[in-house]
Amino acid sequence: MNMKLVVIVLNKTECLEELLREFADRALPGATILQSHGMMQELGVDSQMHFMLSLRNILNPDHKENRTIFMAAPQSSVPDIVDAVNKVTGGLNRSDTGILFTVPIDFITGIEVNDS
């Protein structure tokens, strides 16, 4: 079975609860959620970058941290996961929404895997 680790870094944290409901409605279980934040919030930044971050904070004052979602899923479920994320967030192609990527899983144990 071809398994993927789906990683979603969700900047629009206000969408998290609705996204998890959408996953449940589509029978996409097993999401693990971590609080996270990007490196620019960690690093000391120069004045030009500080200006850009300040502008971003004015335009989106609620964006102080992200949620990183991990899901082990059959490759066949990845398009459904991507569709659910885009439906709930309005599309990851919009700025400051989030990113999604997959990584191959070579070994997995501890969960039952059903490739539907």
N, C-alpha and C. Protein backbone atom coordinates (compact mmCIF):
# COMPACT_ATOMS: atom_id res chain seq x y z
N MET A 1 0.85 -1.18 0.00
CA MET A 1 0.00 0.00 0.00
C MET A 1 0.89 1.24 0.00
N ASN A 2 0.56 2.19 -0.83
CA ASN A 2 1.32 3.44 -0.94
C ASN A 2 0.74 4.46 0.03
N MET A 3 1.50 4.75 1.10
CA MET A 3 1.04 5.68 2.13
C MET A 3 1.79 6.99 2.04
N LYS A 4 1.13 8.05 2.44
CA LYS A 4 1.71 9.39 2.45
C LYS A 4 1.51 10.02 3.82
N LEU A 5 2.49 10.81 4.22
CA LEU A 5 2.30 11.69 5.36
C LEU A 5 1.88 13.03 4.77
N VAL A 6 0.67 13.44 5.08
CA VAL A 6 0.17 14.74 4.61
C VAL A 6 0.44 15.75 5.72
N VAL A 7 1.13 16.82 5.37
CA VAL A 7 1.46 17.88 6.32
C VAL A 7 0.76 19.15 5.84
N ILE A 8 -0.03 19.71 6.72
CA ILE A 8 -0.76 20.95 6.41
C ILE A 8 -0.33 21.99 7.44
N VAL A 9 0.25 23.08 6.99
CA VAL A 9 0.55 24.20 7.87
C VAL A 9 -0.56 25.22 7.62
N LEU A 10 -1.46 25.32 8.58
CA LEU A 10 -2.66 26.13 8.43
C LEU A 10 -2.46 27.50 9.08
N ASN A 11 -2.33 28.53 8.24
CA ASN A 11 -2.24 29.89 8.76
C ASN A 11 -3.60 30.42 9.18
N LYS A 12 -4.65 30.03 8.48
CA LYS A 12 -6.01 30.47 8.80
C LYS A 12 -6.55 29.57 9.92
N THR A 13 -6.04 29.80 11.13
CA THR A 13 -6.40 28.93 12.25
C THR A 13 -7.89 28.98 12.58
N GLU A 14 -8.55 30.02 12.18
CA GLU A 14 -9.99 30.11 12.42
C GLU A 14 -10.76 29.04 11.64
N CYS A 15 -10.11 28.42 10.67
CA CYS A 15 -10.73 27.36 9.86
C CYS A 15 -10.52 25.97 10.44
N LEU A 16 -9.74 25.84 11.51
CA LEU A 16 -9.35 24.52 12.00
C LEU A 16 -10.53 23.63 12.36
N GLU A 17 -11.45 24.12 13.17
CA GLU A 17 -12.58 23.30 13.61
C GLU A 17 -13.42 22.84 12.42
N GLU A 18 -13.71 23.75 11.51
CA GLU A 18 -14.50 23.39 10.32
C GLU A 18 -13.73 22.38 9.46
N LEU A 19 -12.43 22.54 9.35
CA LEU A 19 -11.62 21.61 8.57
C LEU A 19 -11.66 20.21 9.17
N LEU A 20 -11.54 20.12 10.49
CA LEU A 20 -11.59 18.81 11.14
C LEU A 20 -12.96 18.17 10.96
N ARG A 21 -14.02 18.96 11.01
CA ARG A 21 -15.37 18.42 10.73
C ARG A 21 -15.47 17.92 9.30
N GLU A 22 -14.88 18.66 8.37
CA GLU A 22 -14.89 18.25 6.95
C GLU A 22 -14.14 16.93 6.78
N PHE A 23 -13.01 16.79 7.45
CA PHE A 23 -12.28 15.52 7.40
C PHE A 23 -13.15 14.39 7.93
N ALA A 24 -13.82 14.61 9.06
CA ALA A 24 -14.69 13.59 9.65
C ALA A 24 -15.84 13.23 8.71
N ASP A 25 -16.45 14.25 8.10
CA ASP A 25 -17.55 14.00 7.17
C ASP A 25 -17.11 13.17 5.97
N ARG A 26 -15.86 13.31 5.58
CA ARG A 26 -15.33 12.58 4.43
C ARG A 26 -14.63 11.27 4.85
N ALA A 27 -14.77 10.90 6.11
CA ALA A 27 -14.15 9.69 6.65
C ALA A 27 -12.63 9.71 6.45
N LEU A 28 -12.03 10.86 6.75
CA LEU A 28 -10.58 11.03 6.70
C LEU A 28 -10.07 11.19 8.13
N PRO A 29 -9.86 10.09 8.84
CA PRO A 29 -9.52 10.17 10.26
C PRO A 29 -8.02 10.31 10.49
N GLY A 30 -7.68 10.52 11.74
CA GLY A 30 -6.30 10.40 12.16
C GLY A 30 -5.45 11.65 12.07
N ALA A 31 -6.03 12.81 12.16
CA ALA A 31 -5.25 14.04 12.13
C ALA A 31 -4.65 14.31 13.51
N THR A 32 -3.39 14.71 13.53
CA THR A 32 -2.72 15.18 14.74
C THR A 32 -2.40 16.65 14.53
N ILE A 33 -2.75 17.48 15.51
CA ILE A 33 -2.61 18.93 15.37
C ILE A 33 -1.61 19.45 16.39
N LEU A 34 -0.66 20.25 15.91
CA LEU A 34 0.32 20.90 16.78
C LEU A 34 0.24 22.41 16.61
N GLN A 35 0.43 23.15 17.70
CA GLN A 35 0.59 24.59 17.57
C GLN A 35 1.96 24.86 17.00
N SER A 36 2.05 25.82 16.10
CA SER A 36 3.33 26.13 15.48
C SER A 36 3.37 27.60 15.10
N HIS A 37 4.56 28.06 14.77
CA HIS A 37 4.71 29.41 14.23
C HIS A 37 5.93 29.42 13.33
N GLY A 38 5.93 30.36 12.41
CA GLY A 38 6.99 30.44 11.42
C GLY A 38 8.26 31.06 11.97
N MET A 39 9.31 30.89 11.20
CA MET A 39 10.62 31.36 11.66
C MET A 39 10.69 32.87 11.80
N MET A 40 9.91 33.62 11.03
CA MET A 40 9.99 35.07 11.12
C MET A 40 9.49 35.58 12.47
N GLN A 41 8.60 34.83 13.13
CA GLN A 41 8.17 35.23 14.46
C GLN A 41 9.26 34.94 15.49
N GLU A 42 10.18 34.04 15.17
CA GLU A 42 11.26 33.65 16.08
C GLU A 42 12.50 34.51 15.93
N LEU A 43 12.82 34.87 14.71
CA LEU A 43 14.07 35.57 14.42
C LEU A 43 13.97 37.05 14.70
N GLY A 44 15.06 37.64 15.10
CA GLY A 44 15.16 39.09 15.10
C GLY A 44 15.27 39.51 13.65
N VAL A 45 14.52 40.51 13.23
CA VAL A 45 14.51 40.88 11.82
C VAL A 45 15.01 42.30 11.64
N ASP A 46 15.54 42.59 10.44
CA ASP A 46 16.03 43.94 10.15
C ASP A 46 14.85 44.89 9.98
N SER A 47 15.12 46.17 9.86
CA SER A 47 14.05 47.17 9.84
C SER A 47 13.12 47.01 8.65
N GLN A 48 13.65 46.66 7.47
CA GLN A 48 12.79 46.49 6.31
C GLN A 48 11.85 45.30 6.50
N MET A 49 12.39 44.18 7.01
CA MET A 49 11.54 43.02 7.25
C MET A 49 10.57 43.32 8.38
N HIS A 50 11.02 44.09 9.38
CA HIS A 50 10.13 44.45 10.48
C HIS A 50 8.94 45.25 9.94
N PHE A 51 9.18 46.14 9.00
CA PHE A 51 8.11 46.91 8.38
C PHE A 51 7.12 45.97 7.69
N MET A 52 7.64 45.00 6.93
CA MET A 52 6.77 44.06 6.22
C MET A 52 5.93 43.24 7.20
N LEU A 53 6.55 42.77 8.28
CA LEU A 53 5.82 42.01 9.28
C LEU A 53 4.78 42.87 9.98
N SER A 54 5.13 44.13 10.24
CA SER A 54 4.18 45.05 10.87
C SER A 54 2.98 45.27 9.96
N LEU A 55 3.24 45.44 8.66
CA LEU A 55 2.15 45.60 7.70
C LEU A 55 1.27 44.36 7.69
N ARG A 56 1.89 43.20 7.69
CA ARG A 56 1.13 41.95 7.72
C ARG A 56 0.28 41.88 8.98
N ASN A 57 0.84 42.30 10.13
CA ASN A 57 0.09 42.26 11.38
C ASN A 57 -1.08 43.23 11.37
N ILE A 58 -0.94 44.36 10.66
CA ILE A 58 -2.05 45.31 10.53
C ILE A 58 -3.16 44.69 9.68
N LEU A 59 -2.77 44.05 8.57
CA LEU A 59 -3.75 43.45 7.67
C LEU A 59 -4.37 42.19 8.25
N ASN A 60 -3.63 41.46 9.06
CA ASN A 60 -4.13 40.22 9.65
C ASN A 60 -3.63 40.11 11.09
N PRO A 61 -4.22 40.87 12.01
CA PRO A 61 -3.70 40.92 13.38
C PRO A 61 -3.85 39.62 14.15
N ASP A 62 -4.74 38.73 13.71
CA ASP A 62 -4.96 37.48 14.42
C ASP A 62 -3.92 36.42 14.09
N HIS A 63 -3.10 36.64 13.06
CA HIS A 63 -2.12 35.63 12.66
C HIS A 63 -0.86 35.76 13.50
N LYS A 64 -0.84 35.04 14.59
CA LYS A 64 0.33 35.02 15.45
C LYS A 64 0.96 33.64 15.47
N GLU A 65 0.18 32.63 15.16
CA GLU A 65 0.69 31.28 15.13
C GLU A 65 -0.10 30.47 14.12
N ASN A 66 0.38 29.27 13.86
CA ASN A 66 -0.24 28.37 12.90
C ASN A 66 -0.68 27.10 13.62
N ARG A 67 -1.33 26.24 12.89
CA ARG A 67 -1.57 24.88 13.32
C ARG A 67 -0.96 23.98 12.24
N THR A 68 -0.16 23.03 12.68
CA THR A 68 0.40 22.07 11.76
C THR A 68 -0.33 20.75 11.97
N ILE A 69 -0.90 20.24 10.89
CA ILE A 69 -1.71 19.03 10.93
C ILE A 69 -0.96 17.93 10.21
N PHE A 70 -0.82 16.79 10.86
CA PHE A 70 -0.18 15.61 10.28
C PHE A 70 -1.24 14.53 10.08
N MET A 71 -1.24 13.91 8.92
CA MET A 71 -2.16 12.81 8.65
C MET A 71 -1.44 11.72 7.87
N ALA A 72 -1.47 10.49 8.36
CA ALA A 72 -0.99 9.35 7.58
C ALA A 72 -2.19 8.86 6.78
N ALA A 73 -2.04 8.82 5.47
CA ALA A 73 -3.18 8.49 4.61
C ALA A 73 -2.74 7.70 3.39
N PRO A 74 -3.62 6.84 2.89
CA PRO A 74 -3.32 6.20 1.61
C PRO A 74 -3.20 7.27 0.52
N GLN A 75 -2.33 7.03 -0.42
CA GLN A 75 -2.16 8.00 -1.51
C GLN A 75 -3.48 8.30 -2.19
N SER A 76 -4.37 7.32 -2.26
CA SER A 76 -5.67 7.53 -2.91
C SER A 76 -6.54 8.55 -2.18
N SER A 77 -6.26 8.83 -0.90
CA SER A 77 -7.03 9.81 -0.13
C SER A 77 -6.49 11.23 -0.25
N VAL A 78 -5.27 11.38 -0.76
CA VAL A 78 -4.65 12.71 -0.82
C VAL A 78 -5.50 13.71 -1.61
N PRO A 79 -6.03 13.37 -2.80
CA PRO A 79 -6.86 14.36 -3.50
C PRO A 79 -8.07 14.81 -2.69
N ASP A 80 -8.68 13.90 -1.93
CA ASP A 80 -9.83 14.26 -1.10
C ASP A 80 -9.42 15.19 0.04
N ILE A 81 -8.24 14.94 0.62
CA ILE A 81 -7.72 15.81 1.68
C ILE A 81 -7.45 17.22 1.13
N VAL A 82 -6.80 17.28 -0.03
CA VAL A 82 -6.52 18.57 -0.66
C VAL A 82 -7.82 19.31 -0.97
N ASP A 83 -8.80 18.59 -1.49
CA ASP A 83 -10.10 19.21 -1.80
C ASP A 83 -10.76 19.76 -0.54
N ALA A 84 -10.72 18.99 0.55
CA ALA A 84 -11.33 19.44 1.80
C ALA A 84 -10.65 20.70 2.32
N VAL A 85 -9.31 20.72 2.27
CA VAL A 85 -8.57 21.90 2.74
C VAL A 85 -8.90 23.12 1.89
N ASN A 86 -8.92 22.96 0.58
CA ASN A 86 -9.23 24.09 -0.30
C ASN A 86 -10.66 24.56 -0.13
N LYS A 87 -11.59 23.64 0.08
CA LYS A 87 -13.00 24.01 0.28
C LYS A 87 -13.16 24.87 1.54
N VAL A 88 -12.54 24.44 2.63
CA VAL A 88 -12.72 25.12 3.91
C VAL A 88 -11.96 26.44 3.97
N THR A 89 -10.76 26.47 3.42
CA THR A 89 -9.92 27.67 3.54
C THR A 89 -10.17 28.70 2.45
N GLY A 90 -10.86 28.30 1.40
CA GLY A 90 -11.03 29.19 0.25
C GLY A 90 -9.92 29.01 -0.76
N GLY A 91 -9.00 28.10 -0.48
CA GLY A 91 -7.93 27.78 -1.43
C GLY A 91 -6.55 28.13 -0.89
N LEU A 92 -5.66 27.15 -0.93
CA LEU A 92 -4.30 27.39 -0.46
C LEU A 92 -3.51 28.28 -1.41
N ASN A 93 -4.05 28.53 -2.59
CA ASN A 93 -3.38 29.44 -3.53
C ASN A 93 -3.53 30.90 -3.09
N ARG A 94 -4.39 31.18 -2.13
CA ARG A 94 -4.54 32.53 -1.59
C ARG A 94 -3.43 32.80 -0.59
N SER A 95 -2.93 34.02 -0.57
CA SER A 95 -1.79 34.33 0.30
C SER A 95 -2.17 34.17 1.78
N ASP A 96 -1.19 33.76 2.55
CA ASP A 96 -1.29 33.63 4.00
C ASP A 96 -2.40 32.69 4.44
N THR A 97 -2.67 31.66 3.64
CA THR A 97 -3.68 30.67 3.99
C THR A 97 -3.02 29.44 4.59
N GLY A 98 -1.97 28.97 3.95
CA GLY A 98 -1.26 27.81 4.45
C GLY A 98 -0.57 27.07 3.33
N ILE A 99 0.04 25.95 3.68
CA ILE A 99 0.67 25.09 2.68
C ILE A 99 0.31 23.65 2.99
N LEU A 100 0.43 22.81 1.99
CA LEU A 100 0.19 21.39 2.14
C LEU A 100 1.22 20.66 1.30
N PHE A 101 1.82 19.63 1.88
CA PHE A 101 2.73 18.79 1.11
C PHE A 101 2.65 17.37 1.64
N THR A 102 3.15 16.43 0.85
CA THR A 102 3.17 15.03 1.26
C THR A 102 4.59 14.51 1.26
N VAL A 103 4.78 13.48 2.08
CA VAL A 103 6.06 12.79 2.17
C VAL A 103 5.74 11.30 2.15
N PRO A 104 6.50 10.51 1.39
CA PRO A 104 6.25 9.06 1.38
C PRO A 104 6.47 8.45 2.77
N ILE A 105 5.65 7.49 3.12
CA ILE A 105 5.82 6.73 4.36
C ILE A 105 6.34 5.35 3.96
N ASP A 106 7.52 5.01 4.45
CA ASP A 106 8.12 3.71 4.14
C ASP A 106 7.69 2.62 5.11
N PHE A 107 7.32 2.99 6.32
CA PHE A 107 6.93 2.03 7.34
C PHE A 107 5.93 2.69 8.26
N ILE A 108 4.91 1.93 8.66
CA ILE A 108 3.93 2.45 9.62
C ILE A 108 3.41 1.29 10.45
N THR A 109 3.25 1.52 11.74
CA THR A 109 2.66 0.54 12.63
C THR A 109 1.89 1.30 13.71
N GLY A 110 0.97 0.62 14.33
CA GLY A 110 0.20 1.25 15.39
C GLY A 110 -1.15 1.77 14.96
N ILE A 111 -1.41 1.76 13.66
CA ILE A 111 -2.74 2.15 13.16
C ILE A 111 -3.17 1.15 12.11
N GLU A 112 -4.47 0.99 11.99
CA GLU A 112 -5.02 0.15 10.93
C GLU A 112 -5.15 0.99 9.69
N VAL A 113 -4.66 0.48 8.59
CA VAL A 113 -4.67 1.22 7.33
C VAL A 113 -5.65 0.55 6.38
N ASN A 114 -6.64 1.31 5.94
CA ASN A 114 -7.60 0.82 4.95
C ASN A 114 -7.46 1.65 3.71
N ASP A 115 -7.08 1.06 2.61
CA ASP A 115 -6.97 1.78 1.35
C ASP A 115 -8.31 1.65 0.63
N SER A 116 -9.10 2.75 0.67
CA SER A 116 -10.42 2.68 0.03
C SER A 116 -10.39 3.09 -1.39
